[in-house]
Amino acid sequence: MADMGTKEAAKLWGVTQEKVQRWCKLIILTDKRITQDKKGSPYHIPRDYPNPFLK
């Protein structure tokens, strides 16, 4: 399965890249599908991940 970064996720979900980065920082501890190689490296988000910003 292919992954996307925060820039692509932001475009797909209709939010800013910074908002996606903050969300990843919070969710990475509880959701093992969001990964990061090491601190400071890009996040890897599955392309089929549901939009967490929909209400």
Protein backbone atom coordinates (compact mmCIF):
# COMPACT_ATOMS: atom_id res chain seq x y z
CA MET A 1 0.00 0.00 0.00
CA ALA A 2 1.32 3.42 -0.92
CA ASP A 3 1.76 6.22 1.56
CA MET A 4 1.40 9.97 1.26
CA GLY A 5 3.04 12.82 3.10
CA THR A 6 1.47 15.74 4.91
CA LYS A 7 1.46 17.99 1.83
CA GLU A 8 -0.51 15.51 -0.25
CA ALA A 9 -2.85 14.70 2.66
CA ALA A 10 -3.53 18.41 3.18
CA LYS A 11 -4.55 18.81 -0.48
CA LEU A 12 -6.71 15.68 -0.37
CA TRP A 13 -8.44 16.62 2.90
CA GLY A 14 -8.80 20.36 2.20
CA VAL A 15 -6.79 21.63 5.18
CA THR A 16 -3.36 23.20 5.64
CA GLN A 17 -0.19 21.16 5.76
CA GLU A 18 0.52 22.54 9.24
CA LYS A 19 -2.84 21.25 10.49
CA VAL A 20 -2.05 17.77 9.16
CA GLN A 21 1.40 17.88 10.79
CA ARG A 22 -0.09 18.83 14.18
CA TRP A 23 -2.70 16.08 13.83
CA CYS A 24 -0.01 13.50 12.96
CA LYS A 25 2.04 14.54 15.97
CA LEU A 26 -0.94 13.82 18.24
CA ILE A 27 -2.29 10.69 16.54
CA ILE A 28 1.01 8.85 15.91
CA LEU A 29 1.03 7.59 19.52
CA THR A 30 -2.35 5.87 19.23
CA ASP A 31 -2.69 4.91 15.54
CA LYS A 32 0.01 2.56 14.28
CA ARG A 33 -0.95 3.20 10.62
CA ILE A 34 0.65 6.66 10.78
CA THR A 35 4.42 6.21 10.90
CA GLN A 36 7.59 8.26 10.98
CA ASP A 37 11.08 6.86 10.35
CA LYS A 38 12.63 8.99 13.09
CA LYS A 39 11.83 12.21 14.88
CA GLY A 40 11.97 15.09 12.44
CA SER A 41 11.44 12.94 9.35
CA PRO A 42 8.29 13.06 7.21
CA TYR A 43 5.12 11.28 8.29
CA HIS A 44 3.81 8.33 6.26
CA ILE A 45 0.02 8.33 5.99
CA PRO A 46 -1.81 5.53 4.14
CA ARG A 47 -3.51 6.85 1.00
CA ASP A 48 -6.80 5.19 1.99
CA TYR A 49 -6.83 6.79 5.46
CA PRO A 50 -10.23 8.39 6.12
CA ASN A 51 -10.38 12.17 6.40
CA PRO A 52 -10.09 12.93 10.12
CA PHE A 53 -11.22 16.53 9.60
CA LEU A 54 -14.73 15.75 8.37
CA LYS A 55 -17.47 16.59 10.82
